């Protein structure tokens, strides 16, 4: 059964790469096949922006400290002359 038959395409409809779709997968004679675990590591997430997470955390820390300071100041009776 050809690939075209598997897809049940009408014969009149052109199928791209029809001349190579049923060829066997090429295997290198020079290089050993890479293990699946190593291949998967190539596509693992990585830190594209080095230090970005730390910068966000530092900004959040500073913002929280400033908010706490403002809250303390606003609850201080001397600030509003109460």
Protein backbone atom coordinates (compact mmCIF):
# COMPACT_ATOMS: atom_id res chain seq x y z
CA UNK A 1 0.00 0.00 0.00
CA UNK A 2 1.48 3.33 -1.03
CA UNK A 3 1.32 6.53 0.94
CA UNK A 4 -1.27 7.86 -1.51
CA UNK A 5 -3.55 4.90 -0.81
CA UNK A 6 -3.17 5.40 2.93
CA UNK A 7 -4.32 8.98 2.59
CA UNK A 8 -7.09 8.01 0.17
CA UNK A 9 -6.35 10.89 -2.17
CA UNK A 10 -7.85 10.77 -5.63
CA UNK A 11 -5.31 9.98 -8.33
CA UNK A 12 -6.00 13.28 -10.09
CA UNK A 13 -4.90 15.31 -7.05
CA UNK A 14 -1.14 15.91 -7.05
CA UNK A 15 0.73 14.81 -3.96
CA UNK A 16 3.88 16.79 -3.10
CA UNK A 17 7.09 14.77 -2.66
CA UNK A 18 5.41 11.67 -4.01
CA UNK A 19 8.70 10.59 -5.57
CA UNK A 20 10.50 10.42 -2.21
CA UNK A 21 7.79 9.74 0.37
CA UNK A 22 8.20 5.95 0.33
CA UNK A 23 12.01 5.92 0.34
CA UNK A 24 13.73 4.41 3.40
CA UNK A 25 15.10 6.80 6.03
CA UNK A 26 18.79 7.53 5.39
CA UNK A 27 21.26 6.19 7.96
CA UNK A 28 24.76 7.63 8.26
CA UNK A 29 27.72 5.30 7.90
CA UNK A 30 30.03 7.81 9.62
CA UNK A 31 28.03 8.97 12.63
CA UNK A 32 26.36 6.97 15.37
CA UNK A 33 22.69 7.80 15.81
CA UNK A 34 22.12 10.26 18.67
CA UNK A 35 20.21 8.77 21.63
CA UNK A 36 16.62 9.96 22.02
CA UNK A 37 17.39 11.53 25.41
CA UNK A 38 20.13 13.70 23.86
CA UNK A 39 17.90 14.65 20.95
CA UNK A 40 15.18 15.74 23.35
CA UNK A 41 17.68 17.88 25.28
CA UNK A 42 18.27 19.95 22.16
CA UNK A 43 14.69 21.17 22.31
CA UNK A 44 14.44 21.63 26.07
CA UNK A 45 13.56 25.10 27.35
CA UNK A 46 16.45 27.42 28.00
CA UNK A 47 16.92 30.85 29.58
CA UNK A 48 17.07 33.10 26.53
CA UNK A 49 17.25 36.18 28.74
CA UNK A 50 19.92 35.39 31.30
CA UNK A 51 19.19 37.14 34.57
CA UNK A 52 15.66 38.16 33.60
CA UNK A 53 13.98 36.13 36.36
CA UNK A 54 16.30 37.62 38.97
CA UNK A 55 15.58 41.15 37.72
CA UNK A 56 11.82 40.54 37.94
CA UNK A 57 12.15 39.18 41.47
CA UNK A 58 14.26 42.17 42.55
CA UNK A 59 11.73 44.60 41.06
CA UNK A 60 8.91 42.80 42.87
CA UNK A 61 10.86 42.94 46.13
CA UNK A 62 11.49 46.69 45.76
CA UNK A 63 7.87 47.34 44.85
CA UNK A 64 6.59 45.43 47.87
CA UNK A 65 9.03 47.27 50.16
CA UNK A 66 7.90 50.65 48.75
CA UNK A 67 4.22 49.71 49.17
CA UNK A 68 4.80 48.66 52.78
CA UNK A 69 6.64 51.90 53.43
CA UNK A 70 3.76 53.92 51.92
CA UNK A 71 1.26 51.96 54.00
CA UNK A 72 3.22 52.62 57.18
CA UNK A 73 3.49 56.30 56.30
CA UNK A 74 -0.24 56.62 55.55
CA UNK A 75 -1.18 54.99 58.85
CA UNK A 76 1.15 57.36 60.75
CA UNK A 77 -0.99 60.13 62.37
CA UNK A 78 1.75 62.74 61.91
CA UNK A 79 1.68 62.36 58.12
CA UNK A 80 -1.91 63.55 57.74
CA UNK A 81 -1.90 65.85 60.76
CA UNK A 82 -4.50 63.88 62.64
